[in-house]
């Protein structure tokens, strides 16, 4: 699509400028990673950035009852629109690309359409979903879960962070009324189709079909998402008895940390045996003293797999092992297998015939909307390191620009039905 590529080349300067503006926000200079948590000062700065980008393009900025931000080109209350975008928050010490790449690419796509003289026949929206990572309150994709009703308002308001601050209190501190938080059918109805571009959170696109590394093939710069594996989070509470680390005999100890070690090892063993992935990445130890035997440990288990059966089998096996220690297991979130809309994926394949197809084990707001019945799909941009949720997460500049090209082609088709190659070259 040479004509389209010429338009995108012209507007990649806007992509690069936006990326430079976002890069320092929430970055920890000690680790190089990002700490962009929901309803914090950093989150406020990110939301202000999003609002300014909408204003600069004349997009109508609205917020829904979860605080998600939507910038609209056209009126979605007359006709449901096409929405692109992602999220701006991060996991602790996360990478720069997970989420923000999709938002910046969405704005650059709007720029490319205008540079190419394209006027959408249906409304076009850019979205920033709040609290996608769930790093502060423990529920991933909270913003999209709340508006679709997958996360009830009362439960959302009662969720607490590591400091005991509830989501309701965080809203109040951010100058918001938590009573207004809740399901928002009107906001969801405005979304006719949703396409979320995201950095790949693995290394599939960086590998050639023969298994060797290939970072040069432009056909592998962007992939079309087909589905999201089933996944969930479980809290495991392990009891013990506090005592002195120096005077208590080993046979007399009830050390909750030993139970944690059992849980971690069983999660690894059963994941290997059953073909899933299972991770204990967060623990809370009481009393937490160097010279005190732990009286209680709370561990959070993340489990995923290609089928729901293997995930449930893994969690059931780990839970059974934990119960022998007197531990209890509580489900905190669950997302079943999500297959993206066949017609929408078909359109993406027609527009991007050379793009590989890719399933993912990572959860996304696109998956929440798809489960709710909103036609949704995803595009993934190559990650040469294959690393995500880490400062080592990466997408090369050229591949990011390929992402703008691909998303612009898709949106042109979805919003106008025109062949993207018919766009004028404005270089």
Protein backbone atom coordinates (compact mmCIF):
# COMPACT_ATOMS: atom_id res chain seq x y z
CA UNK A 1 0.00 0.00 0.00
CA UNK A 2 2.49 2.63 -1.19
CA UNK A 3 0.14 5.62 -1.07
CA UNK A 4 -0.91 4.88 2.50
CA UNK A 5 2.69 4.35 3.55
CA UNK A 6 3.55 7.78 2.22
CA UNK A 7 0.88 9.35 4.41
CA UNK A 8 2.06 7.47 7.47
CA UNK A 9 5.69 8.39 6.87
CA UNK A 10 4.60 12.02 6.98
CA UNK A 11 2.84 11.65 10.36
CA UNK A 12 5.37 9.45 12.15
CA UNK A 13 6.84 12.69 13.45
CA UNK A 14 3.68 13.06 15.56
CA UNK A 15 4.15 9.50 16.84
CA UNK A 16 7.76 10.24 17.79
CA UNK A 17 6.81 13.51 19.48
CA UNK A 18 4.05 11.88 21.55
CA UNK A 19 6.34 9.03 22.52
CA UNK A 20 9.00 11.46 23.70
CA UNK A 21 6.41 13.34 25.77
CA UNK A 22 5.22 10.16 27.50
CA UNK A 23 8.59 8.54 28.06
CA UNK A 24 9.56 10.26 31.34
CA UNK A 25 6.13 10.08 33.02
CA UNK A 26 6.19 7.64 35.92
CA UNK A 27 9.64 6.28 35.13
CA UNK A 28 11.79 5.17 38.07
CA UNK A 29 15.37 6.33 37.35
CA UNK A 30 16.77 3.59 39.60
CA UNK A 31 15.30 0.69 37.62
CA UNK A 32 14.34 2.24 34.29
CA UNK A 33 10.87 0.73 34.77
CA UNK A 34 7.52 2.47 35.10
CA UNK A 35 5.17 2.84 38.06
CA UNK A 36 2.00 4.21 36.55
CA UNK A 37 -0.74 3.21 38.99
CA UNK A 38 -4.44 4.05 38.81
CA UNK A 39 -5.71 7.20 40.53
CA UNK A 40 -2.30 8.52 41.56
CA UNK A 41 -0.54 11.76 40.69
CA UNK A 42 1.25 9.98 37.85
CA UNK A 43 -2.06 8.68 36.54
CA UNK A 44 -3.43 12.23 36.71
CA UNK A 45 -0.53 13.45 34.57
CA UNK A 46 -1.16 10.69 32.02
CA UNK A 47 -4.85 11.55 31.87
CA UNK A 48 -4.00 15.21 31.36
CA UNK A 49 -1.69 14.21 28.50
CA UNK A 50 -4.50 12.18 26.89
CA UNK A 51 -6.95 15.06 27.27
CA UNK A 52 -4.47 17.49 25.69
CA UNK A 53 -3.93 15.18 22.69
CA UNK A 54 -7.70 14.97 22.20
CA UNK A 55 -8.00 18.75 22.41
CA UNK A 56 -5.19 19.24 19.90
CA UNK A 57 -7.13 17.13 17.38
CA UNK A 58 -10.57 18.53 18.12
CA UNK A 59 -11.80 15.21 19.51
CA UNK A 60 -14.74 15.35 21.93
CA UNK A 61 -13.42 14.06 25.28
CA UNK A 62 -15.86 12.19 27.51
CA UNK A 63 -15.44 9.92 30.52
CA UNK A 64 -17.59 6.97 31.48
CA UNK A 65 -18.61 5.77 34.95
CA UNK A 66 -15.31 3.95 35.49
CA UNK A 67 -13.19 6.95 34.51
CA UNK A 68 -12.14 5.57 31.12
CA UNK A 69 -11.37 8.41 28.67
CA UNK A 70 -12.83 8.51 25.16
CA UNK A 71 -11.90 10.99 22.44
CA UNK A 72 -14.50 10.99 19.67
CA UNK A 73 -14.31 12.14 16.06
CA UNK A 74 -18.01 12.18 15.25
CA UNK A 75 -21.07 11.49 17.39
CA UNK A 76 -21.29 7.89 18.68
CA UNK A 77 -24.75 8.53 20.13
CA UNK A 78 -26.18 8.58 16.62
CA UNK A 79 -24.17 5.65 15.26
CA UNK A 80 -21.89 3.29 17.24
CA UNK A 81 -18.31 3.93 16.24
CA UNK A 82 -14.99 2.25 15.61
CA UNK A 83 -12.71 2.56 18.64
CA UNK A 84 -8.93 2.21 18.82
CA UNK A 85 -6.58 2.66 21.76
CA UNK A 86 -5.43 0.80 24.86
CA UNK A 87 -4.27 1.88 28.36
CA UNK A 88 -1.56 4.04 29.97
CA UNK A 89 -1.05 2.40 33.38
CA UNK A 90 1.69 -0.14 34.16
CA UNK A 91 2.70 -3.01 36.39
CA UNK A 92 5.41 -2.31 39.01
CA UNK A 93 8.62 -1.50 37.13
CA UNK A 94 6.89 -2.30 33.85
CA UNK A 95 8.03 -1.52 30.35
CA UNK A 96 7.29 1.56 28.28
CA UNK A 97 5.28 -0.11 25.52
CA UNK A 98 2.61 -2.21 27.24
CA UNK A 99 -0.49 -0.07 26.75
CA UNK A 100 0.95 3.33 25.75
CA UNK A 101 2.03 1.99 22.34
CA UNK A 102 -1.63 1.37 21.49
CA UNK A 103 -2.75 4.82 22.65
CA UNK A 104 0.01 6.72 20.84
CA UNK A 105 -0.53 4.65 17.67
CA UNK A 106 -4.25 5.43 17.83
CA UNK A 107 -3.64 9.19 17.90
CA UNK A 108 -1.08 8.83 15.09
CA UNK A 109 -3.71 6.95 13.08
CA UNK A 110 -6.11 9.87 13.45
CA UNK A 111 -3.31 12.12 12.18
CA UNK A 112 -2.68 9.80 9.22
CA UNK A 113 -6.35 9.75 8.24
CA UNK A 114 -6.53 13.52 8.27
CA UNK A 115 -3.26 13.86 6.38
CA UNK A 116 -4.67 11.52 3.77
CA UNK A 117 -7.92 13.45 3.46
CA UNK A 118 -10.03 10.63 4.93
CA UNK A 119 -13.32 11.61 6.59
CA UNK A 120 -14.79 8.65 8.50
CA UNK A 121 -18.34 7.63 7.59
CA UNK A 122 -18.84 6.39 11.15
CA UNK A 123 -17.58 7.91 14.42
CA UNK A 124 -13.99 7.10 15.34
CA UNK A 125 -12.93 6.96 18.98
CA UNK A 126 -9.60 6.80 20.81
CA UNK A 127 -9.77 5.25 24.29
CA UNK A 128 -7.59 5.19 27.38
CA UNK A 129 -8.83 2.40 29.64
CA UNK A 130 -8.07 3.00 33.29
CA UNK A 131 -6.38 0.44 35.60
CA UNK A 132 -5.87 -2.25 32.94
CA UNK A 133 -2.96 -3.86 34.78
CA UNK A 134 -4.69 -3.98 38.16
CA UNK A 135 -1.35 -3.17 39.79
CA UNK A 136 -2.88 -1.09 42.55
CA UNK A 137 -6.18 -2.78 43.39
CA UNK A 138 -5.55 -6.32 42.20
CA UNK A 139 -8.16 -6.68 39.45
CA UNK A 140 -6.87 -6.58 35.88
CA UNK A 141 -8.83 -4.65 33.24
CA UNK A 142 -10.82 -2.94 35.99
CA UNK A 143 -11.96 -0.07 33.78
CA UNK A 144 -13.48 -2.27 31.10
CA UNK A 145 -14.79 -4.78 33.64
CA UNK A 146 -16.65 -2.07 35.54
CA UNK A 147 -18.44 -0.52 32.56
CA UNK A 148 -19.48 -3.94 31.20
CA UNK A 149 -20.70 -5.12 34.61
CA UNK A 150 -18.11 -7.90 34.86
CA UNK A 151 -16.86 -6.17 38.03
CA UNK A 152 -19.68 -5.00 40.27
CA UNK A 153 -19.52 -1.45 41.51
CA UNK A 154 -19.73 -2.31 45.22
CA UNK A 155 -16.86 -4.76 44.93
CA UNK A 156 -14.79 -2.29 42.90
CA UNK A 157 -15.28 0.47 45.48
CA UNK A 158 -14.21 -1.88 48.30
CA UNK A 159 -10.98 -3.09 46.66
CA UNK A 160 -7.90 -1.92 48.57
CA UNK A 161 -4.29 -1.29 47.67
CA UNK A 162 -1.20 -2.35 49.64
CA UNK A 163 -1.63 0.64 51.95
CA UNK A 164 -5.25 -0.19 52.74
CA UNK A 165 -6.64 2.61 50.58
CA UNK A 166 -9.88 1.56 48.91
CA UNK A 167 -10.76 2.39 45.34
CA UNK A 168 -13.57 4.56 46.70
CA UNK A 169 -11.07 6.51 48.80
CA UNK A 170 -8.68 6.80 45.85
CA UNK A 171 -11.51 8.28 43.79
CA UNK A 172 -12.29 10.78 46.54
CA UNK A 173 -8.63 11.79 46.77
CA UNK A 174 -8.65 12.30 43.00
CA UNK A 175 -11.62 14.67 43.35
CA UNK A 176 -14.21 12.15 42.16
CA UNK A 177 -17.47 10.87 43.60
CA UNK A 178 -17.21 7.08 44.04
CA UNK A 179 -21.00 6.81 44.14
CA UNK A 180 -21.01 7.47 40.38
CA UNK A 181 -18.67 4.53 39.70
CA UNK A 182 -20.43 1.62 38.02
CA UNK A 183 -21.68 -0.19 34.97
CA UNK A 184 -22.15 2.07 31.96
CA UNK A 185 -24.30 0.55 29.23
CA UNK A 186 -24.42 3.85 27.36
CA UNK A 187 -20.63 3.99 27.03
CA UNK A 188 -20.49 0.38 25.83
CA UNK A 189 -23.28 0.91 23.30
CA UNK A 190 -21.19 3.60 21.61
CA UNK A 191 -18.55 1.02 20.66
CA UNK A 192 -19.53 -0.66 17.41
CA UNK A 193 -16.11 -2.33 16.90
CA UNK A 194 -12.89 -2.19 18.88
CA UNK A 195 -9.36 -2.79 17.60
CA UNK A 196 -6.58 -2.68 20.20
CA UNK A 197 -2.97 -2.47 19.07
CA UNK A 198 -0.47 -3.79 21.61
CA UNK A 199 3.19 -4.69 21.86
CA UNK A 200 3.68 -8.44 21.62
CA UNK A 201 4.34 -9.88 25.07
CA UNK A 202 6.39 -12.77 23.75
CA UNK A 203 8.89 -13.47 20.99
CA UNK A 204 6.82 -15.20 18.31
CA UNK A 205 7.12 -12.36 15.78
CA UNK A 206 10.88 -12.12 16.32
CA UNK A 207 11.34 -15.75 15.28
CA UNK A 208 11.42 -16.93 11.68
CA UNK A 209 9.40 -20.01 10.67
CA UNK A 210 12.60 -22.08 10.86
CA UNK A 211 13.06 -21.09 14.51
CA UNK A 212 15.88 -18.60 13.95
CA UNK A 213 15.67 -14.93 14.88
CA UNK A 214 14.37 -12.57 12.21
CA UNK A 215 13.99 -8.90 13.10
CA UNK A 216 14.21 -7.59 9.53
CA UNK A 217 11.16 -9.11 7.82
CA UNK A 218 8.57 -6.31 7.58
CA UNK A 219 5.83 -8.91 7.13
CA UNK A 220 6.45 -10.01 10.71
CA UNK A 221 6.41 -6.51 12.21
CA UNK A 222 2.67 -6.72 12.96
CA UNK A 223 0.42 -9.72 13.70
CA UNK A 224 -3.33 -10.17 13.91
CA UNK A 225 -4.62 -11.45 17.25
CA UNK A 226 -6.93 -14.46 17.11
CA UNK A 227 -7.71 -15.24 20.73
CA UNK A 228 -6.78 -14.76 24.39
CA UNK A 229 -6.05 -17.78 26.54
CA UNK A 230 -8.16 -18.33 29.65
CA UNK A 231 -6.55 -16.88 32.75
CA UNK A 232 -7.22 -15.88 36.33
CA UNK A 233 -5.86 -14.82 39.71
CA UNK A 234 -6.29 -16.61 43.01
CA UNK A 235 -5.41 -15.56 46.57
CA UNK A 236 -3.93 -18.25 48.81
CA UNK A 237 -3.88 -17.60 52.57
CA UNK A 238 -1.37 -19.73 54.43
CA UNK A 239 -1.55 -19.89 58.26
CA UNK A 240 1.36 -20.19 60.67
CA UNK A 241 2.39 -19.14 64.15
CA UNK A 242 4.55 -16.16 65.02
CA UNK A 243 7.58 -16.93 67.13
CA UNK A 244 11.19 -15.97 67.76
CA UNK A 245 13.57 -16.86 64.94
CA UNK A 246 16.48 -17.45 67.30
CA UNK A 247 14.95 -19.40 70.16
CA UNK A 248 12.25 -21.59 68.57
CA UNK A 249 13.34 -25.14 67.77
CA UNK A 250 12.79 -26.26 64.19
CA UNK A 251 10.41 -29.08 65.23
CA UNK A 252 8.28 -26.60 67.19
CA UNK A 253 7.79 -24.16 64.33
CA UNK A 254 4.64 -23.49 62.30
CA UNK A 255 6.30 -21.37 59.63
CA UNK A 256 3.86 -19.97 57.07
CA UNK A 257 6.80 -19.30 54.76
CA UNK A 258 7.47 -23.02 54.45
CA UNK A 259 3.89 -23.35 53.26
CA UNK A 260 4.55 -20.64 50.70
CA UNK A 261 7.54 -22.58 49.40
CA UNK A 262 5.30 -25.62 48.98
CA UNK A 263 2.72 -23.58 47.07
CA UNK A 264 5.34 -22.08 44.75
CA UNK A 265 6.94 -25.43 44.01
CA UNK A 266 3.62 -27.15 43.40
CA UNK A 267 2.52 -24.34 41.06
CA UNK A 268 5.67 -24.86 38.99
CA UNK A 269 5.42 -28.66 39.00
CA UNK A 270 1.74 -28.86 38.06
CA UNK A 271 2.13 -26.22 35.35
CA UNK A 272 4.90 -28.27 33.75
CA UNK A 273 2.93 -31.48 34.07
CA UNK A 274 -0.34 -30.06 32.72
CA UNK A 275 1.01 -27.72 30.03
CA UNK A 276 -0.07 -24.44 31.62
CA UNK A 277 1.80 -21.49 33.09
CA UNK A 278 1.50 -20.59 36.77
CA UNK A 279 3.20 -17.81 38.68
CA UNK A 280 3.38 -16.64 42.28
CA UNK A 281 4.59 -13.08 41.79
CA UNK A 282 3.22 -11.28 44.84
CA UNK A 283 3.28 -12.21 48.55
CA UNK A 284 2.36 -10.48 51.78
CA UNK A 285 4.14 -11.72 54.92
CA UNK A 286 2.96 -11.09 58.49
CA UNK A 287 4.58 -9.85 60.69
CA UNK A 288 7.36 -9.33 58.15
CA UNK A 289 10.29 -9.13 60.55
CA UNK A 290 13.72 -10.53 59.76
CA UNK A 291 13.89 -12.26 63.17
CA UNK A 292 10.25 -13.34 63.35
CA UNK A 293 8.72 -16.59 62.13
CA UNK A 294 5.81 -15.64 59.83
CA UNK A 295 2.36 -16.14 61.29
CA UNK A 296 0.58 -15.68 57.98
CA UNK A 297 1.46 -15.44 54.31
CA UNK A 298 -0.86 -14.38 51.51
CA UNK A 299 0.26 -15.39 48.04
CA UNK A 300 -1.33 -14.55 44.73
CA UNK A 301 -1.35 -17.21 42.00
CA UNK A 302 -1.63 -16.28 38.32
CA UNK A 303 -2.52 -19.23 36.09
CA UNK A 304 -3.07 -19.41 32.33
CA UNK A 305 -3.19 -21.98 29.54
CA UNK A 306 -4.44 -22.79 26.09
CA UNK A 307 -7.61 -24.39 27.45
CA UNK A 308 -9.80 -23.73 30.46
CA UNK A 309 -9.41 -27.34 31.53
CA UNK A 310 -5.65 -27.15 32.02
CA UNK A 311 -5.92 -23.87 33.96
CA UNK A 312 -8.57 -25.21 36.33
CA UNK A 313 -6.68 -28.48 36.72
CA UNK A 314 -3.53 -26.57 37.66
CA UNK A 315 -5.28 -24.37 40.20
CA UNK A 316 -7.21 -27.30 41.71
CA UNK A 317 -3.99 -29.26 42.17
CA UNK A 318 -2.18 -26.31 43.80
CA UNK A 319 -5.21 -25.58 45.97
CA UNK A 320 -5.32 -29.21 47.10
CA UNK A 321 -1.65 -29.08 48.10
CA UNK A 322 -2.24 -25.81 49.94
CA UNK A 323 -5.27 -27.14 51.81
CA UNK A 324 -3.10 -29.82 53.41
CA UNK A 325 -1.26 -26.94 55.09
CA UNK A 326 -4.52 -25.42 56.31
CA UNK A 327 -4.45 -22.80 53.57
CA UNK A 328 -7.51 -21.46 51.77
CA UNK A 329 -7.75 -20.49 48.10
CA UNK A 330 -10.06 -17.72 46.86
CA UNK A 331 -10.71 -16.77 43.26
CA UNK A 332 -10.19 -13.05 42.63
CA UNK A 333 -10.69 -12.92 38.88
CA UNK A 334 -11.38 -15.27 35.99
CA UNK A 335 -11.48 -14.70 32.24
CA UNK A 336 -12.56 -17.61 30.03
CA UNK A 337 -11.21 -18.33 26.58
CA UNK A 338 -11.78 -15.28 24.40
CA UNK A 339 -12.04 -15.71 20.64
CA UNK A 340 -12.08 -12.43 18.76
CA UNK A 341 -14.93 -11.57 16.40
CA UNK A 342 -14.61 -13.71 13.26
CA UNK A 343 -15.94 -11.04 10.87
CA UNK A 344 -13.66 -8.36 12.30
CA UNK A 345 -10.63 -10.65 12.23
CA UNK A 346 -11.57 -11.51 8.65
CA UNK A 347 -11.51 -7.82 7.75
CA UNK A 348 -8.09 -7.42 9.36
CA UNK A 349 -6.80 -10.41 7.40
CA UNK A 350 -8.14 -8.98 4.14
CA UNK A 351 -6.49 -5.61 4.80
CA UNK A 352 -3.23 -7.14 6.10
CA UNK A 353 -2.94 -10.39 4.09
CA UNK A 354 0.73 -10.94 4.94
CA UNK A 355 0.36 -10.49 8.69
CA UNK A 356 0.82 -13.63 10.82
CA UNK A 357 -1.94 -14.82 13.15
CA UNK A 358 -1.16 -14.87 16.86
CA UNK A 359 -2.92 -16.05 20.02
CA UNK A 360 -1.83 -14.67 23.39
CA UNK A 361 -1.73 -15.66 27.03
CA UNK A 362 -1.98 -12.03 28.17
CA UNK A 363 -5.26 -10.40 29.14
CA UNK A 364 -6.47 -7.18 27.51
CA UNK A 365 -9.43 -4.82 27.57
CA UNK A 366 -10.24 -6.08 24.06
CA UNK A 367 -10.90 -9.47 25.64
CA UNK A 368 -13.29 -8.00 28.22
CA UNK A 369 -15.27 -6.18 25.53
CA UNK A 370 -15.29 -9.27 23.32
CA UNK A 371 -16.65 -11.40 26.16
CA UNK A 372 -19.38 -8.79 26.65
CA UNK A 373 -20.38 -9.11 22.98
CA UNK A 374 -18.61 -6.10 21.47
CA UNK A 375 -16.92 -7.10 18.17
CA UNK A 376 -13.24 -6.81 19.03
CA UNK A 377 -9.84 -7.72 17.62
CA UNK A 378 -6.16 -6.99 18.22
CA UNK A 379 -2.94 -6.18 16.42
CA UNK A 380 0.47 -7.00 17.92
CA UNK A 381 3.75 -5.19 17.20
CA UNK A 382 6.96 -7.23 17.20
CA UNK A 383 8.99 -7.30 20.43
CA UNK A 384 12.63 -8.22 19.69
CA UNK A 385 13.44 -9.08 23.32
CA UNK A 386 10.28 -11.11 23.87
CA UNK A 387 10.21 -9.57 27.36
CA UNK A 388 7.23 -7.76 28.85
CA UNK A 389 6.23 -6.39 32.28
CA UNK A 390 9.89 -5.43 32.60
CA UNK A 391 12.13 -2.48 31.66
CA UNK A 392 13.59 -4.76 28.96
CA UNK A 393 10.29 -4.66 27.05
CA UNK A 394 10.91 -3.26 23.58
CA UNK A 395 9.51 -2.38 20.19
CA UNK A 396 11.79 -0.90 17.55
CA UNK A 397 10.88 2.49 16.08
CA UNK A 398 10.47 1.09 12.56
CA UNK A 399 8.13 -1.61 13.83
CA UNK A 400 6.09 0.98 15.75
CA UNK A 401 5.73 2.92 12.52
CA UNK A 402 4.64 -0.29 10.78
CA UNK A 403 2.00 -0.51 13.51
CA UNK A 404 0.71 2.95 12.59
CA UNK A 405 0.57 1.91 8.94
CA UNK A 406 -1.32 -1.29 9.74
CA UNK A 407 -3.80 0.35 12.11
CA UNK A 408 -4.42 3.20 9.66
CA UNK A 409 -5.18 0.70 6.89
CA UNK A 410 -7.57 -1.21 9.15
CA UNK A 411 -9.38 1.91 10.35
CA UNK A 412 -9.67 3.25 6.79
CA UNK A 413 -11.43 0.04 5.80
CA UNK A 414 -13.66 -0.05 8.89
CA UNK A 415 -14.63 3.64 8.81
CA UNK A 416 -15.00 4.19 5.08
CA UNK A 417 -14.97 0.86 3.28
CA UNK A 418 -12.40 2.35 0.92
CA UNK A 419 -9.27 0.63 -0.32
CA UNK A 420 -6.42 2.09 1.77
CA UNK A 421 -4.29 2.31 -1.39
CA UNK A 422 -6.68 4.95 -2.73
CA UNK A 423 -5.49 7.42 -0.10
CA UNK A 424 -3.54 10.30 -1.59
CA UNK A 425 0.19 10.57 -1.00
CA UNK A 426 0.78 13.82 0.90
CA UNK A 427 4.55 13.74 1.15
